[in-house]
Amino acid sequence: MESTVVRCAEGHEFSTSTFPMQQLGSERIGPGRLLRCPRCARLRQAVPVKGAVRH
């Protein structure tokens, strides 16, 4: 299973096995997704970390 390294709005980096891509018609809504951060235990806007190693 492939994981994606993401950064929450508080700056915490973590990996997630799913990072759903939302679309509205033929265009994407944006790079951020609402995920629960394991460090601050809150739902936060998270974006993929560029250049991070994926497993």
PDB file of N, CA and C in Angstrom:
ATOM      1  N   MET A   1       0.850  -1.182   0.000  1.00  0.00           N
ATOM      2  CA  MET A   1       0.000   0.000   0.000  1.00  0.00           C
ATOM      3  C   MET A   1       0.893   1.242   0.000  1.00  0.00           C
ATOM      4  N   GLU A   2       0.584   2.169  -0.868  1.00  0.00           N
ATOM      5  CA  GLU A   2       1.369   3.390  -0.991  1.00  0.00           C
ATOM      6  C   GLU A   2       0.880   4.435   0.007  1.00  0.00           C
ATOM      7  N   SER A   3       1.814   5.152   0.607  1.00  0.00           N
ATOM      8  CA  SER A   3       1.434   6.204   1.541  1.00  0.00           C
ATOM      9  C   SER A   3       1.934   7.551   1.022  1.00  0.00           C
ATOM     10  N   THR A   4       1.300   8.608   1.484  1.00  0.00           N
ATOM     11  CA  THR A   4       1.645   9.970   1.085  1.00  0.00           C
ATOM     12  C   THR A   4       2.028  10.750   2.327  1.00  0.00           C
ATOM     13  N   VAL A   5       3.148  11.482   2.256  1.00  0.00           N
ATOM     14  CA  VAL A   5       3.574  12.337   3.365  1.00  0.00           C
ATOM     15  C   VAL A   5       2.865  13.674   3.201  1.00  0.00           C
ATOM     16  N   VAL A   6       2.190  14.115   4.269  1.00  0.00           N
ATOM     17  CA  VAL A   6       1.438  15.367   4.228  1.00  0.00           C
ATOM     18  C   VAL A   6       1.836  16.252   5.409  1.00  0.00           C
ATOM     19  N   ARG A   7       1.505  17.547   5.303  1.00  0.00           N
ATOM     20  CA  ARG A   7       1.762  18.515   6.375  1.00  0.00           C
ATOM     21  C   ARG A   7       0.446  19.181   6.728  1.00  0.00           C
ATOM     22  N   CYS A   8       0.108  19.191   8.026  1.00  0.00           N
ATOM     23  CA  CYS A   8      -1.143  19.827   8.452  1.00  0.00           C
ATOM     24  C   CYS A   8      -0.934  21.330   8.592  1.00  0.00           C
ATOM     25  N   ALA A   9      -2.005  22.051   8.837  1.00  0.00           N
ATOM     26  CA  ALA A   9      -1.965  23.502   8.947  1.00  0.00           C
ATOM     27  C   ALA A   9      -1.111  23.978  10.119  1.00  0.00           C
ATOM     28  N   GLU A  10      -0.896  23.112  11.113  1.00  0.00           N
ATOM     29  CA  GLU A  10      -0.052  23.458  12.262  1.00  0.00           C
ATOM     30  C   GLU A  10       1.423  23.168  11.994  1.00  0.00           C
ATOM     31  N   GLY A  11       1.721  22.553  10.835  1.00  0.00           N
ATOM     32  CA  GLY A  11       3.113  22.273  10.470  1.00  0.00           C
ATOM     33  C   GLY A  11       3.586  20.871  10.796  1.00  0.00           C
ATOM     34  N   HIS A  12       2.718  20.025  11.324  1.00  0.00           N
ATOM     35  CA  HIS A  12       3.085  18.649  11.638  1.00  0.00           C
ATOM     36  C   HIS A  12       3.120  17.817  10.360  1.00  0.00           C
ATOM     37  N   GLU A  13       4.173  17.027  10.183  1.00  0.00           N
ATOM     38  CA  GLU A  13       4.260  16.135   9.034  1.00  0.00           C
ATOM     39  C   GLU A  13       3.953  14.717   9.468  1.00  0.00           C
ATOM     40  N   PHE A  14       3.173  14.016   8.651  1.00  0.00           N
ATOM     41  CA  PHE A  14       2.836  12.620   8.921  1.00  0.00           C
ATOM     42  C   PHE A  14       2.470  11.951   7.607  1.00  0.00           C
ATOM     43  N   SER A  15       2.430  10.638   7.608  1.00  0.00           N
ATOM     44  CA  SER A  15       2.058   9.923   6.391  1.00  0.00           C
ATOM     45  C   SER A  15       0.657   9.356   6.548  1.00  0.00           C
ATOM     46  N   THR A  16      -0.011   9.236   5.429  1.00  0.00           N
ATOM     47  CA  THR A  16      -1.354   8.689   5.404  1.00  0.00           C
ATOM     48  C   THR A  16      -1.451   7.713   4.237  1.00  0.00           C
ATOM     49  N   SER A  17      -2.195   6.659   4.429  1.00  0.00           N
ATOM     50  CA  SER A  17      -2.327   5.666   3.365  1.00  0.00           C
ATOM     51  C   SER A  17      -3.311   6.110   2.299  1.00  0.00           C
ATOM     52  N   THR A  18      -4.186   7.031   2.645  1.00  0.00           N
ATOM     53  CA  THR A  18      -5.132   7.544   1.660  1.00  0.00           C
ATOM     54  C   THR A  18      -5.055   9.056   1.636  1.00  0.00           C
ATOM     55  N   PHE A  19      -5.109   9.605   0.459  1.00  0.00           N
ATOM     56  CA  PHE A  19      -5.152  11.053   0.304  1.00  0.00           C
ATOM     57  C   PHE A  19      -6.103  11.322  -0.854  1.00  0.00           C
ATOM     58  N   PRO A  20      -7.424  11.351  -0.558  1.00  0.00           N
ATOM     59  CA  PRO A  20      -8.427  11.432  -1.625  1.00  0.00           C
ATOM     60  C   PRO A  20      -8.309  12.708  -2.442  1.00  0.00           C
ATOM     61  N   MET A  21      -8.484  12.567  -3.721  1.00  0.00           N
ATOM     62  CA  MET A  21      -8.473  13.721  -4.615  1.00  0.00           C
ATOM     63  C   MET A  21      -9.909  14.074  -4.969  1.00  0.00           C
ATOM     64  N   GLN A  22     -10.322  15.263  -4.605  1.00  0.00           N
ATOM     65  CA  GLN A  22     -11.681  15.709  -4.883  1.00  0.00           C
ATOM     66  C   GLN A  22     -11.689  16.460  -6.208  1.00  0.00           C
ATOM     67  N   GLN A  23     -12.753  16.296  -6.950  1.00  0.00           N
ATOM     68  CA  GLN A  23     -12.877  17.009  -8.205  1.00  0.00           C
ATOM     69  C   GLN A  23     -14.272  17.600  -8.315  1.00  0.00           C
ATOM     70  N   LEU A  24     -14.333  18.714  -8.969  1.00  0.00           N
ATOM     71  CA  LEU A  24     -15.599  19.371  -9.245  1.00  0.00           C
ATOM     72  C   LEU A  24     -15.661  19.536 -10.754  1.00  0.00           C
ATOM     73  N   GLY A  25     -16.399  18.669 -11.401  1.00  0.00           N
ATOM     74  CA  GLY A  25     -16.397  18.666 -12.866  1.00  0.00           C
ATOM     75  C   GLY A  25     -15.052  18.161 -13.348  1.00  0.00           C
ATOM     76  N   SER A  26     -14.404  18.916 -14.237  1.00  0.00           N
ATOM     77  CA  SER A  26     -13.118  18.492 -14.773  1.00  0.00           C
ATOM     78  C   SER A  26     -11.946  19.152 -14.050  1.00  0.00           C
ATOM     79  N   GLU A  27     -12.209  20.026 -13.056  1.00  0.00           N
ATOM     80  CA  GLU A  27     -11.130  20.735 -12.376  1.00  0.00           C
ATOM     81  C   GLU A  27     -11.030  20.313 -10.917  1.00  0.00           C
ATOM     82  N   ARG A  28      -9.798  20.313 -10.403  1.00  0.00           N
ATOM     83  CA  ARG A  28      -9.586  19.966  -9.000  1.00  0.00           C
ATOM     84  C   ARG A  28      -9.951  21.127  -8.103  1.00  0.00           C
ATOM     85  N   ILE A  29     -10.380  20.825  -6.893  1.00  0.00           N
ATOM     86  CA  ILE A  29     -10.769  21.854  -5.927  1.00  0.00           C
ATOM     87  C   ILE A  29      -9.530  22.506  -5.311  1.00  0.00           C
ATOM     88  N   GLY A  30      -8.429  21.792  -5.231  1.00  0.00           N
ATOM     89  CA  GLY A  30      -7.193  22.320  -4.659  1.00  0.00           C
ATOM     90  C   GLY A  30      -6.373  21.208  -4.071  1.00  0.00           C
ATOM     91  N   PRO A  31      -5.147  21.508  -3.654  1.00  0.00           N
ATOM     92  CA  PRO A  31      -4.259  20.458  -3.165  1.00  0.00           C
ATOM     93  C   PRO A  31      -4.554  20.002  -1.740  1.00  0.00           C
ATOM     94  N   GLY A  32      -5.225  20.810  -0.942  1.00  0.00           N
ATOM     95  CA  GLY A  32      -5.453  20.500   0.467  1.00  0.00           C
ATOM     96  C   GLY A  32      -6.636  19.587   0.698  1.00  0.00           C
ATOM     97  N   ARG A  33      -6.548  18.801   1.759  1.00  0.00           N
ATOM     98  CA  ARG A  33      -7.630  17.908   2.168  1.00  0.00           C
ATOM     99  C   ARG A  33      -7.796  18.015   3.673  1.00  0.00           C
ATOM    100  N   LEU A  34      -8.970  17.711   4.159  1.00  0.00           N
ATOM    101  CA  LEU A  34      -9.250  17.731   5.581  1.00  0.00           C
ATOM    102  C   LEU A  34      -8.958  16.350   6.157  1.00  0.00           C
ATOM    103  N   LEU A  35      -7.924  16.256   6.999  1.00  0.00           N
ATOM    104  CA  LEU A  35      -7.515  14.995   7.609  1.00  0.00           C
ATOM    105  C   LEU A  35      -7.327  15.185   9.098  1.00  0.00           C
ATOM    106  N   ARG A  36      -7.432  14.103   9.866  1.00  0.00           N
ATOM    107  CA  ARG A  36      -7.172  14.165  11.298  1.00  0.00           C
ATOM    108  C   ARG A  36      -5.675  14.014  11.530  1.00  0.00           C
ATOM    109  N   CYS A  37      -5.062  15.026  12.117  1.00  0.00           N
ATOM    110  CA  CYS A  37      -3.629  15.007  12.398  1.00  0.00           C
ATOM    111  C   CYS A  37      -3.371  14.137  13.628  1.00  0.00           C
ATOM    112  N   PRO A  38      -2.450  13.175  13.542  1.00  0.00           N
ATOM    113  CA  PRO A  38      -2.176  12.321  14.700  1.00  0.00           C
ATOM    114  C   PRO A  38      -1.433  13.045  15.826  1.00  0.00           C
ATOM    115  N   ARG A  39      -0.785  14.175  15.545  1.00  0.00           N
ATOM    116  CA  ARG A  39      -0.049  14.902  16.579  1.00  0.00           C
ATOM    117  C   ARG A  39      -0.943  15.833  17.377  1.00  0.00           C
ATOM    118  N   CYS A  40      -1.835  16.576  16.705  1.00  0.00           N
ATOM    119  CA  CYS A  40      -2.693  17.511  17.440  1.00  0.00           C
ATOM    120  C   CYS A  40      -4.123  16.972  17.597  1.00  0.00           C
ATOM    121  N   ALA A  41      -4.403  15.798  17.018  1.00  0.00           N
ATOM    122  CA  ALA A  41      -5.684  15.084  17.172  1.00  0.00           C
ATOM    123  C   ALA A  41      -6.897  15.920  16.759  1.00  0.00           C
ATOM    124  N   ARG A  42      -6.717  16.787  15.771  1.00  0.00           N
ATOM    125  CA  ARG A  42      -7.827  17.598  15.269  1.00  0.00           C
ATOM    126  C   ARG A  42      -7.901  17.475  13.762  1.00  0.00           C
ATOM    127  N   LEU A  43      -9.085  17.753  13.237  1.00  0.00           N
ATOM    128  CA  LEU A  43      -9.215  17.805  11.787  1.00  0.00           C
ATOM    129  C   LEU A  43      -8.530  19.075  11.306  1.00  0.00           C
ATOM    130  N   ARG A  44      -7.578  18.895  10.397  1.00  0.00           N
ATOM    131  CA  ARG A  44      -6.805  20.030   9.882  1.00  0.00           C
ATOM    132  C   ARG A  44      -6.702  19.932   8.371  1.00  0.00           C
ATOM    133  N   GLN A  45      -6.547  21.073   7.743  1.00  0.00           N
ATOM    134  CA  GLN A  45      -6.241  21.109   6.326  1.00  0.00           C
ATOM    135  C   GLN A  45      -4.832  20.553   6.150  1.00  0.00           C
ATOM    136  N   ALA A  46      -4.648  19.601   5.249  1.00  0.00           N
ATOM    137  CA  ALA A  46      -3.337  18.995   5.023  1.00  0.00           C
ATOM    138  C   ALA A  46      -3.027  19.012   3.529  1.00  0.00           C
ATOM    139  N   VAL A  47      -1.744  19.218   3.209  1.00  0.00           N
ATOM    140  CA  VAL A  47      -1.283  19.233   1.827  1.00  0.00           C
ATOM    141  C   VAL A  47      -0.103  18.287   1.683  1.00  0.00           C
ATOM    142  N   PRO A  48       0.074  17.697   0.494  1.00  0.00           N
ATOM    143  CA  PRO A  48       1.219  16.797   0.290  1.00  0.00           C
ATOM    144  C   PRO A  48       2.532  17.560   0.425  1.00  0.00           C
ATOM    145  N   VAL A  49       3.554  16.898   0.940  1.00  0.00           N
ATOM    146  CA  VAL A  49       4.881  17.484   1.071  1.00  0.00           C
ATOM    147  C   VAL A  49       5.636  17.173  -0.210  1.00  0.00           C
ATOM    148  N   LYS A  50       6.080  18.204  -0.913  1.00  0.00           N
ATOM    149  CA  LYS A  50       6.803  18.008  -2.172  1.00  0.00           C
ATOM    150  C   LYS A  50       8.188  17.450  -1.877  1.00  0.00           C
ATOM    151  N   GLY A  51       8.589  16.470  -2.660  1.00  0.00           N
ATOM    152  CA  GLY A  51       9.911  15.872  -2.523  1.00  0.00           C
ATOM    153  C   GLY A  51      10.008  14.836  -1.410  1.00  0.00           C
ATOM    154  N   ALA A  52       8.915  14.512  -0.768  1.00  0.00           N
ATOM    155  CA  ALA A  52       8.941  13.515   0.314  1.00  0.00           C
ATOM    156  C   ALA A  52       8.994  12.117  -0.288  1.00  0.00           C
ATOM    157  N   VAL A  53       9.634  11.202   0.427  1.00  0.00           N
ATOM    158  CA  VAL A  53       9.764   9.819  -0.027  1.00  0.00           C
ATOM    159  C   VAL A  53       8.457   9.101   0.256  1.00  0.00           C
ATOM    160  N   ARG A  54       7.929   8.438  -0.764  1.00  0.00           N
ATOM    161  CA  ARG A  54       6.684   7.658  -0.597  1.00  0.00           C
ATOM    162  C   ARG A  54       7.051   6.197  -0.496  1.00  0.00           C
ATOM    163  N   HIS A  55       6.334   5.464   0.319  1.00  0.00           N
ATOM    164  CA  HIS A  55       6.587   4.036   0.513  1.00  0.00           C
ATOM    165  C   HIS A  55       5.474   3.223  -0.061  1.00  0.00           C
TER     166      HIS A  55
END
